Amino acid sequence: MKTISTSELRAKTRSLVRTLENGKAVRLTYRGRNLAQIFPVRQTNGISASDPLYQFHKLANRQAKPLSDREMDRIIYGG
């Protein structure tokens, strides 16, 4: 299990998220003491984390422009 401190958490949040997305747990420490363990959510509904519906947030425009129906259909159904 990967271990990071709270100061590392603030500086490397994106790295922590990638670790969790890869299915690995992380131990969080504060001043050298164990504070928490963060575990990735297990998919129990049979839907894979790679399902396109779970990827929309990564595809959204940074200026908060919503995806059109046509763009969402293309992502889900291909083409």
N, C-alpha and C. Protein backbone atom coordinates (compact mmCIF):
# COMPACT_ATOMS: atom_id res chain seq x y z
N MET A 1 0.86 -1.18 0.00
CA MET A 1 0.00 0.00 0.00
C MET A 1 0.90 1.23 0.00
N LYS A 2 0.59 2.15 -0.89
CA LYS A 2 1.33 3.41 -0.99
C LYS A 2 1.02 4.27 0.23
N THR A 3 2.02 4.96 0.76
CA THR A 3 1.83 5.85 1.91
C THR A 3 2.21 7.27 1.51
N ILE A 4 1.33 8.24 1.82
CA ILE A 4 1.63 9.64 1.57
C ILE A 4 1.26 10.46 2.80
N SER A 5 1.92 11.57 2.96
CA SER A 5 1.62 12.48 4.08
C SER A 5 0.55 13.47 3.64
N THR A 6 -0.02 14.17 4.61
CA THR A 6 -1.05 15.16 4.29
C THR A 6 -0.47 16.29 3.44
N SER A 7 0.78 16.64 3.66
CA SER A 7 1.39 17.69 2.84
C SER A 7 1.59 17.20 1.41
N GLU A 8 1.96 15.93 1.22
CA GLU A 8 2.05 15.36 -0.11
C GLU A 8 0.68 15.31 -0.78
N LEU A 9 -0.34 15.01 0.02
CA LEU A 9 -1.70 14.96 -0.51
C LEU A 9 -2.08 16.30 -1.14
N ARG A 10 -1.76 17.38 -0.46
CA ARG A 10 -2.08 18.71 -0.99
C ARG A 10 -1.30 18.98 -2.27
N ALA A 11 -0.06 18.55 -2.32
CA ALA A 11 0.80 18.85 -3.47
C ALA A 11 0.59 17.88 -4.64
N LYS A 12 0.14 16.66 -4.35
CA LYS A 12 0.07 15.62 -5.38
C LYS A 12 -1.29 14.95 -5.46
N THR A 13 -2.34 15.72 -5.35
CA THR A 13 -3.69 15.15 -5.37
C THR A 13 -3.96 14.38 -6.65
N ARG A 14 -3.53 14.92 -7.77
CA ARG A 14 -3.78 14.25 -9.06
C ARG A 14 -3.12 12.86 -9.08
N SER A 15 -1.92 12.75 -8.51
CA SER A 15 -1.23 11.47 -8.45
C SER A 15 -2.01 10.48 -7.57
N LEU A 16 -2.56 10.97 -6.46
CA LEU A 16 -3.37 10.12 -5.58
C LEU A 16 -4.60 9.60 -6.32
N VAL A 17 -5.26 10.46 -7.06
CA VAL A 17 -6.45 10.06 -7.81
C VAL A 17 -6.08 8.97 -8.82
N ARG A 18 -4.96 9.13 -9.53
CA ARG A 18 -4.53 8.11 -10.49
C ARG A 18 -4.27 6.78 -9.80
N THR A 19 -3.65 6.82 -8.62
CA THR A 19 -3.39 5.60 -7.87
C THR A 19 -4.70 4.89 -7.53
N LEU A 20 -5.69 5.66 -7.07
CA LEU A 20 -7.00 5.08 -6.74
C LEU A 20 -7.70 4.56 -7.99
N GLU A 21 -7.60 5.29 -9.10
CA GLU A 21 -8.22 4.83 -10.35
C GLU A 21 -7.62 3.50 -10.81
N ASN A 22 -6.38 3.26 -10.45
CA ASN A 22 -5.71 2.01 -10.80
C ASN A 22 -6.01 0.89 -9.81
N GLY A 23 -6.93 1.15 -8.86
CA GLY A 23 -7.38 0.11 -7.94
C GLY A 23 -6.50 -0.10 -6.73
N LYS A 24 -5.58 0.83 -6.46
CA LYS A 24 -4.67 0.67 -5.34
C LYS A 24 -5.07 1.57 -4.18
N ALA A 25 -4.95 1.04 -2.97
CA ALA A 25 -5.28 1.80 -1.76
C ALA A 25 -4.09 2.68 -1.36
N VAL A 26 -4.37 3.70 -0.56
CA VAL A 26 -3.34 4.64 -0.11
C VAL A 26 -3.50 4.86 1.39
N ARG A 27 -2.37 4.85 2.10
CA ARG A 27 -2.37 5.16 3.53
C ARG A 27 -1.97 6.63 3.67
N LEU A 28 -2.71 7.37 4.45
CA LEU A 28 -2.46 8.79 4.68
C LEU A 28 -1.89 8.98 6.07
N THR A 29 -0.78 9.73 6.16
CA THR A 29 -0.16 9.98 7.46
C THR A 29 -0.17 11.47 7.77
N TYR A 30 -0.15 11.78 9.05
CA TYR A 30 -0.08 13.17 9.52
C TYR A 30 0.98 13.20 10.62
N ARG A 31 2.03 13.96 10.36
CA ARG A 31 3.16 14.06 11.29
C ARG A 31 3.71 12.69 11.67
N GLY A 32 3.81 11.83 10.66
CA GLY A 32 4.40 10.52 10.84
C GLY A 32 3.49 9.45 11.43
N ARG A 33 2.27 9.81 11.73
CA ARG A 33 1.33 8.85 12.31
C ARG A 33 0.24 8.50 11.29
N ASN A 34 -0.17 7.24 11.31
CA ASN A 34 -1.26 6.83 10.41
C ASN A 34 -2.52 7.60 10.73
N LEU A 35 -3.11 8.17 9.70
CA LEU A 35 -4.32 8.95 9.86
C LEU A 35 -5.53 8.26 9.23
N ALA A 36 -5.33 7.73 8.03
CA ALA A 36 -6.46 7.12 7.31
C ALA A 36 -5.95 6.21 6.21
N GLN A 37 -6.85 5.36 5.75
CA GLN A 37 -6.59 4.56 4.56
C GLN A 37 -7.68 4.91 3.56
N ILE A 38 -7.27 5.18 2.34
CA ILE A 38 -8.21 5.54 1.29
C ILE A 38 -8.23 4.39 0.29
N PHE A 39 -9.43 3.85 0.07
CA PHE A 39 -9.59 2.70 -0.81
C PHE A 39 -10.41 3.10 -2.02
N PRO A 40 -10.07 2.56 -3.19
CA PRO A 40 -10.90 2.84 -4.37
C PRO A 40 -12.26 2.18 -4.21
N VAL A 41 -13.27 2.79 -4.76
CA VAL A 41 -14.62 2.24 -4.72
C VAL A 41 -14.67 1.04 -5.66
N ARG A 42 -15.17 -0.03 -5.18
CA ARG A 42 -15.33 -1.24 -6.00
C ARG A 42 -16.66 -1.15 -6.72
N GLN A 43 -16.66 -1.49 -7.99
CA GLN A 43 -17.88 -1.47 -8.77
C GLN A 43 -18.69 -2.71 -8.41
N THR A 44 -19.85 -2.51 -7.82
CA THR A 44 -20.68 -3.64 -7.43
C THR A 44 -21.90 -3.80 -8.33
N ASN A 45 -22.11 -2.83 -9.22
CA ASN A 45 -23.30 -2.87 -10.06
C ASN A 45 -23.02 -3.48 -11.44
N GLY A 46 -21.83 -4.02 -11.63
CA GLY A 46 -21.49 -4.64 -12.90
C GLY A 46 -21.08 -3.66 -13.97
N ILE A 47 -21.05 -2.37 -13.66
CA ILE A 47 -20.63 -1.37 -14.64
C ILE A 47 -19.15 -1.08 -14.41
N SER A 48 -18.38 -1.17 -15.46
CA SER A 48 -16.94 -0.95 -15.38
C SER A 48 -16.63 0.54 -15.23
N ALA A 49 -15.56 0.85 -14.52
CA ALA A 49 -15.13 2.24 -14.36
C ALA A 49 -14.71 2.83 -15.70
N SER A 50 -14.44 1.99 -16.69
CA SER A 50 -14.07 2.49 -18.01
C SER A 50 -15.29 2.76 -18.89
N ASP A 51 -16.50 2.52 -18.36
CA ASP A 51 -17.72 2.81 -19.10
C ASP A 51 -17.72 4.29 -19.51
N PRO A 52 -18.07 4.60 -20.76
CA PRO A 52 -18.03 5.99 -21.21
C PRO A 52 -18.81 6.97 -20.33
N LEU A 53 -19.90 6.51 -19.71
CA LEU A 53 -20.66 7.42 -18.85
C LEU A 53 -19.84 7.93 -17.68
N TYR A 54 -18.91 7.11 -17.21
CA TYR A 54 -18.05 7.53 -16.10
C TYR A 54 -16.90 8.41 -16.57
N GLN A 55 -16.75 8.57 -17.87
CA GLN A 55 -15.64 9.35 -18.42
C GLN A 55 -16.05 10.77 -18.83
N PHE A 56 -17.34 11.07 -18.78
CA PHE A 56 -17.80 12.39 -19.23
C PHE A 56 -17.08 13.53 -18.52
N HIS A 57 -16.84 13.41 -17.23
CA HIS A 57 -16.20 14.50 -16.51
C HIS A 57 -14.80 14.79 -17.05
N LYS A 58 -14.13 13.77 -17.58
CA LYS A 58 -12.79 13.98 -18.15
C LYS A 58 -12.88 14.64 -19.52
N LEU A 59 -14.01 14.52 -20.18
CA LEU A 59 -14.17 15.04 -21.52
C LEU A 59 -14.79 16.43 -21.55
N ALA A 60 -15.30 16.88 -20.42
CA ALA A 60 -15.97 18.17 -20.37
C ALA A 60 -14.98 19.30 -20.63
N ASN A 61 -15.46 20.32 -21.26
CA ASN A 61 -14.66 21.50 -21.56
C ASN A 61 -14.34 22.23 -20.28
N ARG A 62 -13.12 22.70 -20.13
CA ARG A 62 -12.71 23.39 -18.90
C ARG A 62 -13.43 24.72 -18.71
N GLN A 63 -14.02 25.27 -19.76
CA GLN A 63 -14.80 26.50 -19.62
C GLN A 63 -16.25 26.19 -19.27
N ALA A 64 -16.52 24.98 -18.85
CA ALA A 64 -17.85 24.55 -18.39
C ALA A 64 -18.87 24.51 -19.52
N LYS A 65 -18.41 24.31 -20.75
CA LYS A 65 -19.33 24.14 -21.87
C LYS A 65 -19.86 22.72 -21.82
N PRO A 66 -21.18 22.53 -21.72
CA PRO A 66 -21.73 21.17 -21.64
C PRO A 66 -21.56 20.41 -22.95
N LEU A 67 -21.51 19.11 -22.86
CA LEU A 67 -21.46 18.27 -24.05
C LEU A 67 -22.83 18.26 -24.70
N SER A 68 -22.86 18.31 -26.02
CA SER A 68 -24.14 18.25 -26.73
C SER A 68 -24.63 16.80 -26.74
N ASP A 69 -25.92 16.63 -27.06
CA ASP A 69 -26.47 15.28 -27.18
C ASP A 69 -25.71 14.48 -28.23
N ARG A 70 -25.37 15.11 -29.32
CA ARG A 70 -24.63 14.45 -30.40
C ARG A 70 -23.26 13.98 -29.91
N GLU A 71 -22.56 14.84 -29.14
CA GLU A 71 -21.24 14.46 -28.60
C GLU A 71 -21.37 13.29 -27.62
N MET A 72 -22.39 13.33 -26.78
CA MET A 72 -22.58 12.24 -25.82
C MET A 72 -22.90 10.93 -26.54
N ASP A 73 -23.75 10.99 -27.58
CA ASP A 73 -24.06 9.78 -28.36
C ASP A 73 -22.81 9.21 -29.02
N ARG A 74 -21.96 10.10 -29.56
CA ARG A 74 -20.72 9.64 -30.19
C ARG A 74 -19.82 8.93 -29.18
N ILE A 75 -19.73 9.47 -27.97
CA ILE A 75 -18.89 8.87 -26.92
C ILE A 75 -19.43 7.51 -26.50
N ILE A 76 -20.75 7.44 -26.30
CA ILE A 76 -21.36 6.21 -25.82
C ILE A 76 -21.42 5.12 -26.90
N TYR A 77 -21.88 5.52 -28.09
CA TYR A 77 -22.15 4.54 -29.13
C TYR A 77 -21.07 4.46 -30.20
N GLY A 78 -20.09 5.35 -30.11
CA GLY A 78 -19.01 5.35 -31.10
C GLY A 78 -19.42 6.07 -32.37
N GLY A 79 -18.47 6.21 -33.26
CA GLY A 79 -18.78 6.84 -34.54
C GLY A 79 -18.30 8.23 -34.70
